[in-house]
PDB file of N, CA and C in Angstrom:
ATOM      1  N   MET A   1      -3.627   6.292  18.922  1.00  0.00           N
ATOM      2  CA  MET A   1      -3.334   5.089  18.170  1.00  0.00           C
ATOM      3  C   MET A   1      -4.326   4.983  17.022  1.00  0.00           C
ATOM      4  N   THR A   2      -3.846   4.619  15.863  1.00  0.00           N
ATOM      5  CA  THR A   2      -4.673   4.453  14.684  1.00  0.00           C
ATOM      6  C   THR A   2      -4.738   2.979  14.327  1.00  0.00           C
ATOM      7  N   THR A   3      -5.916   2.534  13.945  1.00  0.00           N
ATOM      8  CA  THR A   3      -6.099   1.154  13.522  1.00  0.00           C
ATOM      9  C   THR A   3      -6.373   1.134  12.030  1.00  0.00           C
ATOM     10  N   LEU A   4      -5.667   0.289  11.330  1.00  0.00           N
ATOM     11  CA  LEU A   4      -5.835   0.129   9.892  1.00  0.00           C
ATOM     12  C   LEU A   4      -6.230  -1.316   9.634  1.00  0.00           C
ATOM     13  N   THR A   5      -7.328  -1.501   8.920  1.00  0.00           N
ATOM     14  CA  THR A   5      -7.776  -2.842   8.585  1.00  0.00           C
ATOM     15  C   THR A   5      -7.502  -3.088   7.110  1.00  0.00           C
ATOM     16  N   VAL A   6      -6.802  -4.177   6.812  1.00  0.00           N
ATOM     17  CA  VAL A   6      -6.461  -4.522   5.438  1.00  0.00           C
ATOM     18  C   VAL A   6      -6.959  -5.930   5.178  1.00  0.00           C
ATOM     19  N   ASN A   7      -7.762  -6.087   4.134  1.00  0.00           N
ATOM     20  CA  ASN A   7      -8.250  -7.410   3.743  1.00  0.00           C
ATOM     21  C   ASN A   7      -7.382  -7.923   2.605  1.00  0.00           C
ATOM     22  N   ILE A   8      -6.731  -9.058   2.823  1.00  0.00           N
ATOM     23  CA  ILE A   8      -5.810  -9.605   1.833  1.00  0.00           C
ATOM     24  C   ILE A   8      -6.280 -10.999   1.450  1.00  0.00           C
ATOM     25  N   ASP A   9      -6.467 -11.216   0.149  1.00  0.00           N
ATOM     26  CA  ASP A   9      -6.903 -12.522  -0.336  1.00  0.00           C
ATOM     27  C   ASP A   9      -5.735 -13.383  -0.807  1.00  0.00           C
ATOM     28  N   ASN A  10      -4.585 -12.789  -1.034  1.00  0.00           N
ATOM     29  CA  ASN A  10      -3.445 -13.466  -1.628  1.00  0.00           C
ATOM     30  C   ASN A  10      -2.358 -13.683  -0.571  1.00  0.00           C
ATOM     31  N   LYS A  11      -1.944 -14.931  -0.357  1.00  0.00           N
ATOM     32  CA  LYS A  11      -0.928 -15.239   0.660  1.00  0.00           C
ATOM     33  C   LYS A  11       0.400 -14.548   0.367  1.00  0.00           C
ATOM     34  N   LYS A  12       0.752 -14.438  -0.914  1.00  0.00           N
ATOM     35  CA  LYS A  12       2.009 -13.789  -1.290  1.00  0.00           C
ATOM     36  C   LYS A  12       1.974 -12.306  -0.892  1.00  0.00           C
ATOM     37  N   SER A  13       0.850 -11.665  -1.130  1.00  0.00           N
ATOM     38  CA  SER A  13       0.692 -10.268  -0.751  1.00  0.00           C
ATOM     39  C   SER A  13       0.706 -10.125   0.765  1.00  0.00           C
ATOM     40  N   GLU A  14       0.113 -11.076   1.442  1.00  0.00           N
ATOM     41  CA  GLU A  14       0.087 -11.031   2.908  1.00  0.00           C
ATOM     42  C   GLU A  14       1.508 -11.042   3.459  1.00  0.00           C
ATOM     43  N   LYS A  15       2.359 -11.888   2.922  1.00  0.00           N
ATOM     44  CA  LYS A  15       3.746 -11.957   3.378  1.00  0.00           C
ATOM     45  C   LYS A  15       4.463 -10.641   3.123  1.00  0.00           C
ATOM     46  N   ALA A  16       4.203 -10.032   1.974  1.00  0.00           N
ATOM     47  CA  ALA A  16       4.853  -8.763   1.630  1.00  0.00           C
ATOM     48  C   ALA A  16       4.405  -7.657   2.584  1.00  0.00           C
ATOM     49  N   ILE A  17       3.116  -7.598   2.868  1.00  0.00           N
ATOM     50  CA  ILE A  17       2.596  -6.580   3.779  1.00  0.00           C
ATOM     51  C   ILE A  17       3.169  -6.775   5.179  1.00  0.00           C
ATOM     52  N   LYS A  18       3.244  -8.019   5.632  1.00  0.00           N
ATOM     53  CA  LYS A  18       3.819  -8.287   6.950  1.00  0.00           C
ATOM     54  C   LYS A  18       5.280  -7.858   6.996  1.00  0.00           C
ATOM     55  N   ALA A  19       6.023  -8.094   5.917  1.00  0.00           N
ATOM     56  CA  ALA A  19       7.432  -7.695   5.869  1.00  0.00           C
ATOM     57  C   ALA A  19       7.569  -6.185   5.941  1.00  0.00           C
ATOM     58  N   VAL A  20       6.699  -5.462   5.261  1.00  0.00           N
ATOM     59  CA  VAL A  20       6.740  -3.996   5.302  1.00  0.00           C
ATOM     60  C   VAL A  20       6.429  -3.497   6.715  1.00  0.00           C
ATOM     61  N   LEU A  21       5.397  -4.053   7.325  1.00  0.00           N
ATOM     62  CA  LEU A  21       5.034  -3.641   8.682  1.00  0.00           C
ATOM     63  C   LEU A  21       6.160  -3.938   9.670  1.00  0.00           C
ATOM     64  N   ASP A  22       6.785  -5.100   9.521  1.00  0.00           N
ATOM     65  CA  ASP A  22       7.920  -5.452  10.378  1.00  0.00           C
ATOM     66  C   ASP A  22       9.079  -4.479  10.166  1.00  0.00           C
ATOM     67  N   ALA A  23       9.370  -4.159   8.913  1.00  0.00           N
ATOM     68  CA  ALA A  23      10.472  -3.254   8.600  1.00  0.00           C
ATOM     69  C   ALA A  23      10.234  -1.869   9.181  1.00  0.00           C
ATOM     70  N   LEU A  24       8.969  -1.464   9.236  1.00  0.00           N
ATOM     71  CA  LEU A  24       8.631  -0.159   9.799  1.00  0.00           C
ATOM     72  C   LEU A  24       8.514  -0.192  11.319  1.00  0.00           C
ATOM     73  N   GLY A  25       8.618  -1.378  11.888  1.00  0.00           N
ATOM     74  CA  GLY A  25       8.542  -1.517  13.339  1.00  0.00           C
ATOM     75  C   GLY A  25       7.130  -1.339  13.881  1.00  0.00           C
ATOM     76  N   LEU A  26       6.133  -1.643  13.085  1.00  0.00           N
ATOM     77  CA  LEU A  26       4.745  -1.470  13.501  1.00  0.00           C
ATOM     78  C   LEU A  26       4.189  -2.767  14.065  1.00  0.00           C
ATOM     79  N   ASP A  27       3.314  -2.632  15.067  1.00  0.00           N
ATOM     80  CA  ASP A  27       2.629  -3.784  15.629  1.00  0.00           C
ATOM     81  C   ASP A  27       1.405  -4.090  14.779  1.00  0.00           C
ATOM     82  N   TYR A  28       1.091  -5.360  14.631  1.00  0.00           N
ATOM     83  CA  TYR A  28      -0.094  -5.756  13.879  1.00  0.00           C
ATOM     84  C   TYR A  28      -0.617  -7.058  14.419  1.00  0.00           C
ATOM     85  N   SER A  29      -1.883  -7.295  14.150  1.00  0.00           N
ATOM     86  CA  SER A  29      -2.486  -8.573  14.524  1.00  0.00           C
ATOM     87  C   SER A  29      -3.203  -9.114  13.291  1.00  0.00           C
ATOM     88  N   ILE A  30      -3.325 -10.418  13.260  1.00  0.00           N
ATOM     89  CA  ILE A  30      -3.933 -11.089  12.117  1.00  0.00           C
ATOM     90  C   ILE A  30      -5.201 -11.775  12.589  1.00  0.00           C
ATOM     91  N   ASP A  31      -6.309 -11.460  11.924  1.00  0.00           N
ATOM     92  CA  ASP A  31      -7.593 -12.073  12.231  1.00  0.00           C
ATOM     93  C   ASP A  31      -7.986 -12.933  11.039  1.00  0.00           C
ATOM     94  N   GLN A  32      -7.779 -14.223  11.153  1.00  0.00           N
ATOM     95  CA  GLN A  32      -8.070 -15.140  10.057  1.00  0.00           C
ATOM     96  C   GLN A  32      -9.569 -15.361   9.866  1.00  0.00           C
ATOM     97  N   ASN A  33     -10.362 -15.082  10.899  1.00  0.00           N
ATOM     98  CA  ASN A  33     -11.795 -15.363  10.849  1.00  0.00           C
ATOM     99  C   ASN A  33     -12.617 -14.106  10.608  1.00  0.00           C
ATOM    100  N   SER A  34     -12.013 -13.095  10.063  1.00  0.00           N
ATOM    101  CA  SER A  34     -12.697 -11.834   9.831  1.00  0.00           C
ATOM    102  C   SER A  34     -13.852 -12.021   8.851  1.00  0.00           C
ATOM    103  N   SER A  35     -14.959 -11.355   9.143  1.00  0.00           N
ATOM    104  CA  SER A  35     -16.078 -11.426   8.198  1.00  0.00           C
ATOM    105  C   SER A  35     -15.726 -10.606   6.971  1.00  0.00           C
ATOM    106  N   ASN A  36     -16.327 -10.921   5.879  1.00  0.00           N
ATOM    107  CA  ASN A  36     -15.971 -10.292   4.606  1.00  0.00           C
ATOM    108  C   ASN A  36     -16.898  -9.117   4.279  1.00  0.00           C
ATOM    109  N   THR A  37     -17.487  -8.507   5.322  1.00  0.00           N
ATOM    110  CA  THR A  37     -18.349  -7.357   5.081  1.00  0.00           C
ATOM    111  C   THR A  37     -17.485  -6.134   4.851  1.00  0.00           C
ATOM    112  N   GLN A  38     -17.828  -5.373   3.828  1.00  0.00           N
ATOM    113  CA  GLN A  38     -17.068  -4.181   3.503  1.00  0.00           C
ATOM    114  C   GLN A  38     -17.997  -2.987   3.503  1.00  0.00           C
ATOM    115  N   ARG A  39     -17.500  -1.867   3.994  1.00  0.00           N
ATOM    116  CA  ARG A  39     -18.263  -0.635   3.970  1.00  0.00           C
ATOM    117  C   ARG A  39     -17.748   0.240   2.845  1.00  0.00           C
ATOM    118  N   ALA A  40     -18.518   1.176   2.453  1.00  0.00           N
ATOM    119  CA  ALA A  40     -18.107   2.092   1.391  1.00  0.00           C
ATOM    120  C   ALA A  40     -17.003   3.013   1.911  1.00  0.00           C
ATOM    121  N   LEU A  41     -16.072   3.363   1.040  1.00  0.00           N
ATOM    122  CA  LEU A  41     -14.987   4.260   1.419  1.00  0.00           C
ATOM    123  C   LEU A  41     -15.484   5.701   1.437  1.00  0.00           C
ATOM    124  N   ASN A  42     -14.996   6.476   2.428  1.00  0.00           N
ATOM    125  CA  ASN A  42     -15.342   7.887   2.408  1.00  0.00           C
ATOM    126  C   ASN A  42     -14.425   8.604   1.418  1.00  0.00           C
ATOM    127  N   LYS A  43     -14.615   9.906   1.228  1.00  0.00           N
ATOM    128  CA  LYS A  43     -13.857  10.634   0.202  1.00  0.00           C
ATOM    129  C   LYS A  43     -12.354  10.603   0.449  1.00  0.00           C
ATOM    130  N   ASP A  44     -11.931  10.752   1.693  1.00  0.00           N
ATOM    131  CA  ASP A  44     -10.493  10.712   2.000  1.00  0.00           C
ATOM    132  C   ASP A  44      -9.912   9.339   1.706  1.00  0.00           C
ATOM    133  N   GLU A  45     -10.640   8.296   2.074  1.00  0.00           N
ATOM    134  CA  GLU A  45     -10.180   6.937   1.820  1.00  0.00           C
ATOM    135  C   GLU A  45     -10.127   6.650   0.321  1.00  0.00           C
ATOM    136  N   GLN A  46     -11.098   7.167  -0.418  1.00  0.00           N
ATOM    137  CA  GLN A  46     -11.095   6.990  -1.870  1.00  0.00           C
ATOM    138  C   GLN A  46      -9.888   7.676  -2.494  1.00  0.00           C
ATOM    139  N   ARG A  47      -9.543   8.859  -1.995  1.00  0.00           N
ATOM    140  CA  ARG A  47      -8.386   9.596  -2.509  1.00  0.00           C
ATOM    141  C   ARG A  47      -7.096   8.820  -2.241  1.00  0.00           C
ATOM    142  N   VAL A  48      -6.956   8.307  -1.014  1.00  0.00           N
ATOM    143  CA  VAL A  48      -5.763   7.526  -0.667  1.00  0.00           C
ATOM    144  C   VAL A  48      -5.691   6.268  -1.523  1.00  0.00           C
ATOM    145  N   TYR A  49      -6.821   5.581  -1.690  1.00  0.00           N
ATOM    146  CA  TYR A  49      -6.859   4.366  -2.510  1.00  0.00           C
ATOM    147  C   TYR A  49      -6.441   4.672  -3.945  1.00  0.00           C
ATOM    148  N   LYS A  50      -6.987   5.759  -4.497  1.00  0.00           N
ATOM    149  CA  LYS A  50      -6.660   6.143  -5.871  1.00  0.00           C
ATOM    150  C   LYS A  50      -5.165   6.448  -6.009  1.00  0.00           C
ATOM    151  N   ASN A  51      -4.606   7.176  -5.028  1.00  0.00           N
ATOM    152  CA  ASN A  51      -3.181   7.506  -5.073  1.00  0.00           C
ATOM    153  C   ASN A  51      -2.303   6.266  -4.958  1.00  0.00           C
ATOM    154  N   LEU A  52      -2.671   5.353  -4.065  1.00  0.00           N
ATOM    155  CA  LEU A  52      -1.899   4.118  -3.913  1.00  0.00           C
ATOM    156  C   LEU A  52      -1.975   3.256  -5.171  1.00  0.00           C
ATOM    157  N   LYS A  53      -3.156   3.171  -5.753  1.00  0.00           N
ATOM    158  CA  LYS A  53      -3.328   2.377  -6.966  1.00  0.00           C
ATOM    159  C   LYS A  53      -2.480   2.950  -8.100  1.00  0.00           C
ATOM    160  N   SER A  54      -2.464   4.272  -8.218  1.00  0.00           N
ATOM    161  CA  SER A  54      -1.655   4.936  -9.235  1.00  0.00           C
ATOM    162  C   SER A  54      -0.164   4.685  -9.000  1.00  0.00           C
ATOM    163  N   SER A  55       0.260   4.787  -7.747  1.00  0.00           N
ATOM    164  CA  SER A  55       1.668   4.567  -7.409  1.00  0.00           C
ATOM    165  C   SER A  55       2.097   3.139  -7.716  1.00  0.00           C
ATOM    166  N   ILE A  56       1.251   2.186  -7.383  1.00  0.00           N
ATOM    167  CA  ILE A  56       1.576   0.786  -7.660  1.00  0.00           C
ATOM    168  C   ILE A  56       1.657   0.560  -9.165  1.00  0.00           C
ATOM    169  N   GLY A  57       0.774   1.198  -9.915  1.00  0.00           N
ATOM    170  CA  GLY A  57       0.825   1.098 -11.373  1.00  0.00           C
ATOM    171  C   GLY A  57       2.132   1.637 -11.925  1.00  0.00           C
ATOM    172  N   GLN A  58       2.605   2.774 -11.373  1.00  0.00           N
ATOM    173  CA  GLN A  58       3.875   3.341 -11.809  1.00  0.00           C
ATOM    174  C   GLN A  58       5.049   2.427 -11.462  1.00  0.00           C
ATOM    175  N   ILE A  59       4.989   1.803 -10.295  1.00  0.00           N
ATOM    176  CA  ILE A  59       6.050   0.878  -9.897  1.00  0.00           C
ATOM    177  C   ILE A  59       6.102  -0.306 -10.855  1.00  0.00           C
ATOM    178  N   LYS A  60       4.928  -0.835 -11.217  1.00  0.00           N
ATOM    179  CA  LYS A  60       4.889  -1.966 -12.155  1.00  0.00           C
ATOM    180  C   LYS A  60       5.471  -1.571 -13.513  1.00  0.00           C
ATOM    181  N   LEU A  61       5.108  -0.370 -14.003  1.00  0.00           N
ATOM    182  CA  LEU A  61       5.655   0.095 -15.275  1.00  0.00           C
ATOM    183  C   LEU A  61       7.167   0.270 -15.193  1.00  0.00           C
ATOM    184  N   HIS A  62       7.651   0.745 -14.052  1.00  0.00           N
ATOM    185  CA  HIS A  62       9.093   0.905 -13.867  1.00  0.00           C
ATOM    186  C   HIS A  62       9.785  -0.461 -13.872  1.00  0.00           C
ATOM    187  N   GLN A  63       9.195  -1.428 -13.195  1.00  0.00           N
ATOM    188  CA  GLN A  63       9.775  -2.762 -13.146  1.00  0.00           C
ATOM    189  C   GLN A  63       9.805  -3.409 -14.531  1.00  0.00           C
ATOM    190  N   GLU A  64       8.843  -3.053 -15.372  1.00  0.00           N
ATOM    191  CA  GLU A  64       8.808  -3.578 -16.742  1.00  0.00           C
ATOM    192  C   GLU A  64       9.734  -2.784 -17.662  1.00  0.00           C
ATOM    193  N   GLY A  65      10.340  -1.722 -17.146  1.00  0.00           N
ATOM    194  CA  GLY A  65      11.255  -0.910 -17.934  1.00  0.00           C
ATOM    195  C   GLY A  65      10.562   0.068 -18.869  1.00  0.00           C
ATOM    196  N   LYS A  66       9.297   0.330 -18.634  1.00  0.00           N
ATOM    197  CA  LYS A  66       8.537   1.212 -19.521  1.00  0.00           C
ATOM    198  C   LYS A  66       8.640   2.682 -19.121  1.00  0.00           C
ATOM    199  N   ILE A  67       8.909   2.963 -17.841  1.00  0.00           N
ATOM    200  CA  ILE A  67       9.094   4.350 -17.399  1.00  0.00           C
ATOM    201  C   ILE A  67      10.276   4.424 -16.448  1.00  0.00           C
ATOM    202  N   GLU A  68      10.830   5.607 -16.315  1.00  0.00           N
ATOM    203  CA  GLU A  68      11.924   5.851 -15.374  1.00  0.00           C
ATOM    204  C   GLU A  68      11.376   6.698 -14.229  1.00  0.00           C
ATOM    205  N   LEU A  69      11.570   6.271 -13.002  1.00  0.00           N
ATOM    206  CA  LEU A  69      11.089   7.006 -11.848  1.00  0.00           C
ATOM    207  C   LEU A  69      12.136   7.996 -11.371  1.00  0.00           C
ATOM    208  N   ARG A  70      11.668   9.093 -10.776  1.00  0.00           N
ATOM    209  CA  ARG A  70      12.593  10.074 -10.206  1.00  0.00           C
ATOM    210  C   ARG A  70      13.181   9.520  -8.915  1.00  0.00           C
ATOM    211  N   ASP A  71      14.414   9.891  -8.635  1.00  0.00           N
ATOM    212  CA  ASP A  71      14.983   9.493  -7.353  1.00  0.00           C
ATOM    213  C   ASP A  71      14.684  10.587  -6.330  1.00  0.00           C
ATOM    214  N   ALA A  72      14.987  10.319  -5.062  1.00  0.00           N
ATOM    215  CA  ALA A  72      14.659  11.241  -3.984  1.00  0.00           C
ATOM    216  C   ALA A  72      15.354  12.589  -4.161  1.00  0.00           C
ATOM    217  N   LYS A  73      16.592  12.585  -4.663  1.00  0.00           N
ATOM    218  CA  LYS A  73      17.322  13.840  -4.854  1.00  0.00           C
ATOM    219  C   LYS A  73      16.604  14.729  -5.864  1.00  0.00           C
ATOM    220  N   GLN A  74      16.132  14.166  -6.949  1.00  0.00           N
ATOM    221  CA  GLN A  74      15.397  14.946  -7.953  1.00  0.00           C
ATOM    222  C   GLN A  74      14.124  15.529  -7.338  1.00  0.00           C
ATOM    223  N   LEU A  75      13.453  14.753  -6.524  1.00  0.00           N
ATOM    224  CA  LEU A  75      12.239  15.225  -5.882  1.00  0.00           C
ATOM    225  C   LEU A  75      12.537  16.390  -4.941  1.00  0.00           C
ATOM    226  N   LEU A  76      13.584  16.241  -4.126  1.00  0.00           N
ATOM    227  CA  LEU A  76      13.938  17.306  -3.191  1.00  0.00           C
ATOM    228  C   LEU A  76      14.400  18.549  -3.904  1.00  0.00           C
ATOM    229  N   ASP A  77      15.134  18.386  -5.015  1.00  0.00           N
ATOM    230  CA  ASP A  77      15.576  19.547  -5.792  1.00  0.00           C
ATOM    231  C   ASP A  77      14.382  20.310  -6.348  1.00  0.00           C
ATOM    232  N   GLU A  78      13.328  19.576  -6.696  1.00  0.00           N
ATOM    233  CA  GLU A  78      12.132  20.203  -7.249  1.00  0.00           C
ATOM    234  C   GLU A  78      11.390  21.026  -6.195  1.00  0.00           C
ATOM    235  N   LEU A  79      11.500  20.590  -4.946  1.00  0.00           N
ATOM    236  CA  LEU A  79      10.809  21.315  -3.864  1.00  0.00           C
ATOM    237  C   LEU A  79      11.555  22.583  -3.562  1.00  0.00           C
TER     238      LEU A  79
END
């Protein structure tokens, strides 16, 4: 079992994350009294964070109509 800790400051984002976890059928718990201490990310975590941040940026640009994203078929054809 893997545990993932996510600190969310925005209620709107919290609802979105909960919806994604529910859609994926994952169990989660909410700790409202969590301390706000943060540790430094290791190299793997930094890589994942960088990739997620880049992906979210691309999604925002797509939603603004500034870029066109590839669909799954194009991705599979490329492989």
